[in-house]
N, C-alpha and C. Protein backbone atom coordinates (compact mmCIF):
# COMPACT_ATOMS: atom_id res chain seq x y z
N UNK A 1 -41.14 -139.29 -139.29
CA UNK A 1 -42.36 -140.84 -138.89
C UNK A 1 -41.71 -141.93 -140.57
N UNK A 2 -41.40 -142.66 -140.03
CA UNK A 2 -41.51 -143.80 -141.26
C UNK A 2 -42.76 -144.11 -141.92
N UNK A 3 -42.76 -144.33 -142.91
CA UNK A 3 -44.35 -144.37 -143.31
C UNK A 3 -44.36 -146.15 -143.71
N UNK A 4 -45.54 -146.59 -143.33
CA UNK A 4 -46.05 -147.85 -143.68
C UNK A 4 -46.15 -148.29 -144.74
N UNK A 5 -45.27 -148.94 -145.39
CA UNK A 5 -45.23 -149.78 -146.46
C UNK A 5 -45.56 -151.02 -146.22
N UNK A 6 -46.25 -151.58 -145.49
CA UNK A 6 -46.98 -153.14 -145.44
C UNK A 6 -47.85 -152.74 -146.39
N UNK A 7 -48.19 -153.78 -147.61
CA UNK A 7 -48.59 -153.69 -148.59
C UNK A 7 -49.68 -154.93 -148.20
N UNK A 8 -50.94 -154.71 -148.10
CA UNK A 8 -52.13 -155.74 -148.13
C UNK A 8 -52.39 -156.52 -149.06
N UNK A 9 -52.39 -157.68 -149.24
CA UNK A 9 -52.87 -158.33 -150.27
C UNK A 9 -54.23 -157.72 -150.76
N UNK A 10 -54.60 -157.97 -152.46
CA UNK A 10 -55.58 -157.56 -153.18
C UNK A 10 -56.82 -158.32 -152.52
N UNK A 11 -56.87 -159.31 -152.40
CA UNK A 11 -58.34 -160.13 -151.63
C UNK A 11 -58.66 -159.59 -150.49
N UNK A 12 -57.80 -158.30 -149.92
CA UNK A 12 -58.32 -158.10 -148.55
C UNK A 12 -59.45 -157.13 -148.26
N UNK A 13 -60.57 -157.54 -147.33
CA UNK A 13 -61.89 -156.44 -147.72
C UNK A 13 -61.56 -155.83 -146.47
N UNK A 14 -60.99 -155.85 -145.68
CA UNK A 14 -61.21 -155.42 -144.35
C UNK A 14 -59.99 -155.22 -143.44
N UNK A 15 -59.69 -154.18 -142.81
CA UNK A 15 -58.53 -153.95 -141.78
C UNK A 15 -59.42 -154.05 -140.35
N UNK A 16 -59.02 -155.19 -139.56
CA UNK A 16 -59.18 -155.47 -138.24
C UNK A 16 -57.91 -154.83 -137.25
N UNK A 17 -58.41 -153.94 -136.23
CA UNK A 17 -57.41 -153.20 -135.48
C UNK A 17 -57.65 -153.99 -134.14
N UNK A 18 -57.04 -154.61 -133.72
CA UNK A 18 -56.46 -155.40 -132.09
C UNK A 18 -56.06 -154.87 -131.17
N UNK A 19 -56.16 -154.85 -129.85
CA UNK A 19 -54.83 -154.36 -128.88
C UNK A 19 -54.21 -155.26 -128.98
N UNK A 20 -52.79 -154.79 -128.80
CA UNK A 20 -51.89 -156.01 -128.99
C UNK A 20 -51.49 -156.33 -127.34
N UNK A 21 -51.83 -157.69 -127.04
CA UNK A 21 -51.80 -158.05 -125.64
C UNK A 21 -50.46 -158.76 -125.32
N UNK A 22 -49.50 -158.61 -125.80
CA UNK A 22 -47.83 -159.28 -125.82
C UNK A 22 -47.09 -158.07 -126.08
N UNK A 23 -45.61 -158.32 -126.03
CA UNK A 23 -44.97 -157.72 -125.86
C UNK A 23 -43.95 -157.69 -127.41
N UNK A 24 -44.20 -156.84 -128.15
CA UNK A 24 -43.28 -156.66 -129.50
C UNK A 24 -43.16 -155.22 -130.03
N UNK A 25 -42.28 -155.34 -130.86
CA UNK A 25 -41.97 -154.16 -131.41
C UNK A 25 -42.54 -153.73 -132.84
N UNK A 26 -42.74 -152.16 -132.93
CA UNK A 26 -43.60 -152.09 -134.30
C UNK A 26 -42.74 -152.47 -135.66
N UNK A 27 -43.45 -152.97 -136.24
CA UNK A 27 -43.14 -154.01 -137.22
C UNK A 27 -42.46 -152.81 -138.52
N UNK A 28 -43.01 -151.40 -138.31
CA UNK A 28 -42.07 -150.57 -139.27
C UNK A 28 -40.62 -150.39 -139.17
N UNK A 29 -40.25 -150.42 -140.43
CA UNK A 29 -38.63 -150.12 -140.33
C UNK A 29 -38.08 -149.15 -139.80
N UNK A 30 -37.17 -149.57 -138.80
CA UNK A 30 -36.70 -148.22 -138.13
C UNK A 30 -37.66 -147.66 -137.06
N UNK A 31 -38.27 -148.17 -136.81
CA UNK A 31 -39.30 -147.38 -135.44
C UNK A 31 -39.04 -148.74 -134.24
N UNK A 32 -38.59 -147.69 -133.28
CA UNK A 32 -38.12 -148.39 -132.12
C UNK A 32 -39.48 -148.61 -130.86
N UNK A 33 -40.83 -148.02 -131.18
CA UNK A 33 -41.86 -147.86 -130.57
C UNK A 33 -42.27 -149.30 -130.05
N UNK A 34 -42.65 -149.33 -129.28
CA UNK A 34 -43.32 -150.86 -128.33
C UNK A 34 -44.97 -150.84 -129.77
N UNK A 35 -45.22 -152.08 -129.76
CA UNK A 35 -46.20 -152.42 -130.68
C UNK A 35 -47.64 -152.40 -129.87
N UNK A 36 -48.75 -151.47 -129.75
CA UNK A 36 -49.69 -151.51 -129.24
C UNK A 36 -51.13 -152.04 -130.05
N UNK A 37 -50.68 -152.20 -131.18
CA UNK A 37 -52.17 -152.68 -132.14
C UNK A 37 -51.84 -153.74 -132.93
N UNK A 38 -52.55 -154.66 -132.97
CA UNK A 38 -52.41 -155.80 -134.19
C UNK A 38 -53.50 -155.39 -135.42
N UNK A 39 -52.84 -154.85 -136.36
CA UNK A 39 -53.59 -154.83 -137.61
C UNK A 39 -53.77 -156.16 -138.61
N UNK A 40 -55.00 -156.47 -138.75
CA UNK A 40 -54.91 -157.51 -139.42
C UNK A 40 -56.07 -157.68 -140.46
N UNK A 41 -55.48 -157.93 -142.07
CA UNK A 41 -56.56 -157.55 -143.14
C UNK A 41 -57.08 -159.11 -143.31
N UNK A 42 -58.30 -158.85 -143.16
CA UNK A 42 -59.44 -160.08 -143.72
C UNK A 42 -59.89 -160.29 -145.13
N UNK A 43 -60.29 -161.27 -145.66
CA UNK A 43 -60.27 -161.55 -146.65
C UNK A 43 -62.30 -161.42 -146.73
N UNK A 44 -62.93 -161.68 -148.01
CA UNK A 44 -64.59 -161.40 -148.08
C UNK A 44 -65.21 -162.60 -147.20
N UNK A 45 -64.19 -163.88 -146.87
CA UNK A 45 -64.63 -165.07 -146.21
C UNK A 45 -64.40 -164.89 -144.22
N UNK A 46 -63.89 -163.50 -144.29
CA UNK A 46 -63.32 -163.62 -142.89
C UNK A 46 -62.27 -164.20 -142.68
N UNK A 47 -61.73 -164.38 -143.54
CA UNK A 47 -59.79 -165.25 -143.29
C UNK A 47 -58.94 -164.40 -143.16
N UNK A 48 -57.90 -164.35 -141.96
CA UNK A 48 -56.90 -163.48 -142.17
C UNK A 48 -55.90 -163.31 -143.40
N UNK A 49 -55.43 -162.37 -143.86
CA UNK A 49 -54.49 -162.77 -145.21
C UNK A 49 -53.53 -162.54 -144.38
N UNK A 50 -53.11 -161.33 -143.58
CA UNK A 50 -51.84 -160.82 -143.18
C UNK A 50 -51.93 -160.17 -141.72
N UNK A 51 -51.06 -160.05 -140.81
CA UNK A 51 -51.09 -159.44 -139.54
C UNK A 51 -49.70 -158.47 -139.27
N UNK A 52 -49.44 -157.73 -138.89
CA UNK A 52 -48.63 -156.83 -138.60
C UNK A 52 -49.10 -156.24 -137.41
N UNK A 53 -48.04 -156.20 -136.04
CA UNK A 53 -48.17 -155.13 -134.72
C UNK A 53 -47.11 -154.02 -135.21
N UNK A 54 -48.41 -152.99 -134.91
CA UNK A 54 -47.90 -151.13 -134.72
C UNK A 54 -48.11 -150.40 -133.77
N UNK A 55 -47.21 -149.80 -133.59
CA UNK A 55 -47.42 -148.61 -132.49
C UNK A 55 -48.63 -147.86 -133.13
N UNK A 56 -49.48 -146.93 -131.97
CA UNK A 56 -50.58 -146.23 -132.60
C UNK A 56 -50.51 -145.22 -133.55
N UNK A 57 -49.35 -144.60 -134.04
CA UNK A 57 -49.23 -143.89 -134.93
C UNK A 57 -49.56 -144.46 -136.30
N UNK A 58 -48.41 -145.58 -136.42
CA UNK A 58 -48.48 -146.44 -137.79
C UNK A 58 -49.66 -147.10 -138.01
N UNK A 59 -50.50 -147.42 -136.71
CA UNK A 59 -51.79 -148.04 -137.33
C UNK A 59 -52.60 -147.59 -137.76
N UNK A 60 -52.71 -145.77 -137.23
CA UNK A 60 -53.69 -144.84 -137.79
C UNK A 60 -53.27 -144.80 -139.08
N UNK A 61 -52.27 -144.58 -139.25
CA UNK A 61 -51.53 -144.47 -140.69
C UNK A 61 -51.90 -145.62 -141.67
N UNK A 62 -52.02 -146.64 -141.27
CA UNK A 62 -52.18 -147.69 -142.23
C UNK A 62 -53.60 -147.32 -142.18
N UNK A 63 -54.69 -147.77 -141.26
CA UNK A 63 -56.23 -147.43 -141.43
C UNK A 63 -56.46 -146.41 -142.21
N UNK A 64 -55.81 -145.35 -141.98
CA UNK A 64 -56.39 -144.18 -143.18
C UNK A 64 -56.01 -144.54 -144.58
N UNK A 65 -54.55 -145.13 -144.92
CA UNK A 65 -54.59 -145.46 -146.36
C UNK A 65 -55.24 -146.40 -146.58
N UNK A 66 -55.62 -147.49 -145.72
CA UNK A 66 -56.57 -148.66 -146.35
C UNK A 66 -58.22 -148.02 -146.48
N UNK A 67 -58.36 -147.12 -145.77
CA UNK A 67 -59.83 -146.72 -145.71
C UNK A 67 -59.60 -145.61 -147.24
N UNK A 68 -59.00 -145.05 -147.30
CA UNK A 68 -59.11 -144.13 -148.62
C UNK A 68 -58.99 -145.32 -149.87
N UNK A 69 -58.60 -146.26 -149.62
CA UNK A 69 -58.35 -147.66 -150.54
C UNK A 69 -59.75 -148.33 -151.15
N UNK A 70 -61.06 -148.10 -149.99
CA UNK A 70 -61.90 -148.64 -150.12
C UNK A 70 -62.09 -150.03 -148.69
N UNK A 71 -61.22 -149.78 -148.03
CA UNK A 71 -61.25 -151.19 -147.45
C UNK A 71 -61.81 -150.82 -145.61
N UNK A 72 -62.91 -151.83 -145.32
CA UNK A 72 -63.42 -151.04 -144.42
C UNK A 72 -62.41 -151.28 -142.91
N UNK A 73 -62.65 -150.63 -142.20
CA UNK A 73 -61.72 -150.36 -140.90
C UNK A 73 -62.53 -150.82 -139.18
N UNK A 74 -62.16 -152.03 -138.98
CA UNK A 74 -63.02 -152.66 -138.07
C UNK A 74 -62.21 -152.49 -136.41
N UNK A 75 -62.92 -151.77 -135.40
CA UNK A 75 -62.32 -151.68 -134.25
C UNK A 75 -62.87 -153.05 -133.02
N UNK A 76 -61.48 -153.88 -132.62
CA UNK A 76 -61.85 -154.65 -131.91
C UNK A 76 -61.39 -154.31 -130.59
N UNK A 77 -62.57 -154.72 -129.27
CA UNK A 77 -61.74 -154.53 -128.18
C UNK A 77 -60.94 -155.38 -127.68
């Protein structure tokens, strides 16, 4: 499985995981899966810093990596 290489900016405090409500392909290079999750980085003021559409396996991989870096993971309905 390709590794999620999307780097979150340094000022990102948390990662919000939202269900993807529109048709999109996973943003990981060479992944042909349908995106099911939107991973959005937010800064200390709650402002979005970046956003990626990801399939479930890549969203889990990103959440695990960012949690190890000390960032909070927030699951949104």
